[in-house]
Amino acid sequence: VTGVQTCALPICAVGSDYIGHAVFPTYDFGKQAHYMLLFSDTSKYYNLSLQEAIDRYAPTSDGNEPEVYAKYLADTVGINKNTKMCELKDGQRSDLLECMKIFEGYKKGNILEV
């Protein structure tokens, strides 16, 4: 999850990876935090269109291609890039998160004791 401060959400990250993405203690915590980041009614993404949200979530300044990313998500989920995040139904939200995971190349991390 990009752009999550350590405890900006009710679910706290336990740290971050080498490029600054939040790391959570379990997959389920991370998945819930990702959902809240995008779909909470207090989220900075909530009232944005999918394209606007991806422009902010994965900006070109970080080396991303938000147009390609948003098109992939819209095409795969079966929505328009101009659909507002708050207008997505529960199933579409779940599908969107799953597609984001695939697009970003999700990999399970390892826990190292220090």
C-alpha atoms as a PDB file:
ATOM      1  CA  VAL A   1       0.000   0.000   0.000  1.00  0.00           C
ATOM      2  CA  THR A   2       1.480   3.293  -1.064  1.00  0.00           C
ATOM      3  CA  GLY A   3       0.964   6.549   0.803  1.00  0.00           C
ATOM      4  CA  VAL A   4      -0.029   5.106   4.177  1.00  0.00           C
ATOM      5  CA  GLN A   5       1.596   6.719   7.156  1.00  0.00           C
ATOM      6  CA  THR A   6       2.521   4.386   9.990  1.00  0.00           C
ATOM      7  CA  CYS A   7      -0.723   4.915  11.916  1.00  0.00           C
ATOM      8  CA  ALA A   8      -2.834   7.076   9.623  1.00  0.00           C
ATOM      9  CA  LEU A   9      -5.455   4.337   9.675  1.00  0.00           C
ATOM     10  CA  PRO A  10      -6.967   2.312  12.517  1.00  0.00           C
ATOM     11  CA  ILE A  11      -4.707  -0.497  11.295  1.00  0.00           C
ATOM     12  CA  CYS A  12      -1.085   0.410  11.879  1.00  0.00           C
ATOM     13  CA  ALA A  13       1.730  -0.504   9.572  1.00  0.00           C
ATOM     14  CA  VAL A  14       4.716  -2.163  11.194  1.00  0.00           C
ATOM     15  CA  GLY A  15       7.156  -0.403   8.896  1.00  0.00           C
ATOM     16  CA  SER A  16       7.888   0.148   5.244  1.00  0.00           C
ATOM     17  CA  ASP A  17       9.769  -1.560   2.465  1.00  0.00           C
ATOM     18  CA  TYR A  18      12.822  -0.234   0.641  1.00  0.00           C
ATOM     19  CA  ILE A  19      10.720   2.127  -1.526  1.00  0.00           C
ATOM     20  CA  GLY A  20       8.436   3.402   1.205  1.00  0.00           C
ATOM     21  CA  HIS A  21       5.374   1.171   0.835  1.00  0.00           C
ATOM     22  CA  ALA A  22       3.682   0.350   4.124  1.00  0.00           C
ATOM     23  CA  VAL A  23       4.207  -3.133   5.559  1.00  0.00           C
ATOM     24  CA  PHE A  24       1.526  -4.709   7.742  1.00  0.00           C
ATOM     25  CA  PRO A  25       1.734  -7.565  10.247  1.00  0.00           C
ATOM     26  CA  THR A  26      -0.624  -9.798   8.234  1.00  0.00           C
ATOM     27  CA  TYR A  27      -2.003 -10.011   4.719  1.00  0.00           C
ATOM     28  CA  ASP A  28      -5.527  -9.399   6.055  1.00  0.00           C
ATOM     29  CA  PHE A  29      -4.452  -6.223   7.892  1.00  0.00           C
ATOM     30  CA  GLY A  30      -2.779  -4.936   4.742  1.00  0.00           C
ATOM     31  CA  LYS A  31      -5.823  -5.762   2.637  1.00  0.00           C
ATOM     32  CA  GLN A  32      -8.132  -3.968   5.076  1.00  0.00           C
ATOM     33  CA  ALA A  33      -5.817  -0.948   5.233  1.00  0.00           C
ATOM     34  CA  HIS A  34      -5.702  -0.802   1.410  1.00  0.00           C
ATOM     35  CA  TYR A  35      -9.504  -0.905   1.296  1.00  0.00           C
ATOM     36  CA  MET A  36      -9.766   1.884   3.869  1.00  0.00           C
ATOM     37  CA  LEU A  37      -7.143   3.969   2.080  1.00  0.00           C
ATOM     38  CA  LEU A  38      -9.163   3.947  -1.140  1.00  0.00           C
ATOM     39  CA  PHE A  39     -12.781   3.649  -0.028  1.00  0.00           C
ATOM     40  CA  SER A  40     -13.187   5.199   3.420  1.00  0.00           C
ATOM     41  CA  ASP A  41     -15.475   8.224   3.190  1.00  0.00           C
ATOM     42  CA  THR A  42     -12.655  10.277   4.757  1.00  0.00           C
ATOM     43  CA  SER A  43     -10.110   9.052   2.196  1.00  0.00           C
ATOM     44  CA  LYS A  44      -8.446  11.511  -0.169  1.00  0.00           C
ATOM     45  CA  TYR A  45      -9.369   9.092  -2.982  1.00  0.00           C
ATOM     46  CA  TYR A  46     -13.057   8.601  -2.106  1.00  0.00           C
ATOM     47  CA  ASN A  47     -14.555  11.365  -4.276  1.00  0.00           C
ATOM     48  CA  LEU A  48     -12.057  11.048  -7.127  1.00  0.00           C
ATOM     49  CA  SER A  49     -12.618   9.240 -10.399  1.00  0.00           C
ATOM     50  CA  LEU A  50     -10.648   6.043 -10.888  1.00  0.00           C
ATOM     51  CA  GLN A  51      -8.243   7.897 -13.207  1.00  0.00           C
ATOM     52  CA  GLU A  52      -7.792  10.768 -10.726  1.00  0.00           C
ATOM     53  CA  ALA A  53      -7.265   8.300  -7.876  1.00  0.00           C
ATOM     54  CA  ILE A  54      -4.621   6.339  -9.792  1.00  0.00           C
ATOM     55  CA  ASP A  55      -2.941   9.589 -10.881  1.00  0.00           C
ATOM     56  CA  ARG A  56      -2.499  10.338  -7.171  1.00  0.00           C
ATOM     57  CA  TYR A  57      -1.904   6.755  -5.959  1.00  0.00           C
ATOM     58  CA  ALA A  58       0.716   5.894  -8.602  1.00  0.00           C
ATOM     59  CA  PRO A  59       2.021   9.214  -9.970  1.00  0.00           C
ATOM     60  CA  THR A  60       4.314   9.545 -12.946  1.00  0.00           C
ATOM     61  CA  SER A  61       6.789  11.294 -10.637  1.00  0.00           C
ATOM     62  CA  ASP A  62       7.340   7.890  -8.966  1.00  0.00           C
ATOM     63  CA  GLY A  63       8.039   6.253 -12.328  1.00  0.00           C
ATOM     64  CA  ASN A  64       4.503   4.923 -12.815  1.00  0.00           C
ATOM     65  CA  GLU A  65       2.224   5.020 -15.846  1.00  0.00           C
ATOM     66  CA  PRO A  66      -1.128   5.996 -14.312  1.00  0.00           C
ATOM     67  CA  GLU A  67      -2.943   6.069 -17.680  1.00  0.00           C
ATOM     68  CA  VAL A  68      -1.930   2.460 -18.367  1.00  0.00           C
ATOM     69  CA  TYR A  69      -2.682   1.431 -14.771  1.00  0.00           C
ATOM     70  CA  ALA A  70      -6.156   3.026 -14.716  1.00  0.00           C
ATOM     71  CA  LYS A  71      -7.024   1.583 -18.143  1.00  0.00           C
ATOM     72  CA  TYR A  72      -6.021  -1.902 -16.991  1.00  0.00           C
ATOM     73  CA  LEU A  73      -8.140  -1.559 -13.840  1.00  0.00           C
ATOM     74  CA  ALA A  74     -11.153  -0.114 -15.667  1.00  0.00           C
ATOM     75  CA  ASP A  75     -11.039  -2.727 -18.428  1.00  0.00           C
ATOM     76  CA  THR A  76     -10.524  -5.633 -16.044  1.00  0.00           C
ATOM     77  CA  VAL A  77     -13.180  -4.583 -13.529  1.00  0.00           C
ATOM     78  CA  GLY A  78     -15.562  -3.490 -16.288  1.00  0.00           C
ATOM     79  CA  ILE A  79     -15.984   0.139 -15.293  1.00  0.00           C
ATOM     80  CA  ASN A  80     -15.266   3.544 -16.821  1.00  0.00           C
ATOM     81  CA  LYS A  81     -12.085   5.402 -15.798  1.00  0.00           C
ATOM     82  CA  ASN A  82     -14.312   8.355 -14.917  1.00  0.00           C
ATOM     83  CA  THR A  83     -16.320   6.377 -12.344  1.00  0.00           C
ATOM     84  CA  LYS A  84     -15.872   7.846  -8.874  1.00  0.00           C
ATOM     85  CA  MET A  85     -14.352   5.566  -6.263  1.00  0.00           C
ATOM     86  CA  CYS A  86     -17.321   6.222  -3.963  1.00  0.00           C
ATOM     87  CA  GLU A  87     -19.717   4.978  -6.662  1.00  0.00           C
ATOM     88  CA  LEU A  88     -18.173   1.506  -6.899  1.00  0.00           C
ATOM     89  CA  LYS A  89     -20.258  -1.361  -5.484  1.00  0.00           C
ATOM     90  CA  ASP A  90     -18.743  -3.785  -2.958  1.00  0.00           C
ATOM     91  CA  GLY A  91     -17.971  -6.420  -5.607  1.00  0.00           C
ATOM     92  CA  GLN A  92     -16.323  -3.848  -7.866  1.00  0.00           C
ATOM     93  CA  ARG A  93     -14.234  -2.590  -4.952  1.00  0.00           C
ATOM     94  CA  SER A  94     -13.026  -6.107  -4.178  1.00  0.00           C
ATOM     95  CA  ASP A  95     -12.291  -6.726  -7.855  1.00  0.00           C
ATOM     96  CA  LEU A  96     -10.407  -3.438  -8.095  1.00  0.00           C
ATOM     97  CA  LEU A  97      -8.204  -4.285  -5.108  1.00  0.00           C
ATOM     98  CA  GLU A  98      -7.475  -7.742  -6.543  1.00  0.00           C
ATOM     99  CA  CYS A  99      -6.573  -6.213  -9.924  1.00  0.00           C
ATOM    100  CA  MET A 100      -4.303  -3.679  -8.227  1.00  0.00           C
ATOM    101  CA  LYS A 101      -2.528  -6.522  -6.456  1.00  0.00           C
ATOM    102  CA  ILE A 102      -2.002  -8.341  -9.770  1.00  0.00           C
ATOM    103  CA  PHE A 103      -0.913  -5.212 -11.658  1.00  0.00           C
ATOM    104  CA  GLU A 104       1.587  -4.290  -8.953  1.00  0.00           C
ATOM    105  CA  GLY A 105       3.062  -7.784  -8.789  1.00  0.00           C
ATOM    106  CA  TYR A 106       2.119  -8.566  -5.189  1.00  0.00           C
ATOM    107  CA  LYS A 107       4.601 -10.791  -3.396  1.00  0.00           C
ATOM    108  CA  LYS A 108       4.320 -12.213   0.076  1.00  0.00           C
ATOM    109  CA  GLY A 109       7.022 -10.841   2.343  1.00  0.00           C
ATOM    110  CA  ASN A 110       9.202 -12.570   4.904  1.00  0.00           C
ATOM    111  CA  ILE A 111       9.385 -11.784   8.588  1.00  0.00           C
ATOM    112  CA  LEU A 112      12.906 -11.519   9.916  1.00  0.00           C
ATOM    113  CA  GLU A 113      13.607 -11.596  13.627  1.00  0.00           C
ATOM    114  CA  VAL A 114      16.312  -9.148  14.675  1.00  0.00           C
END
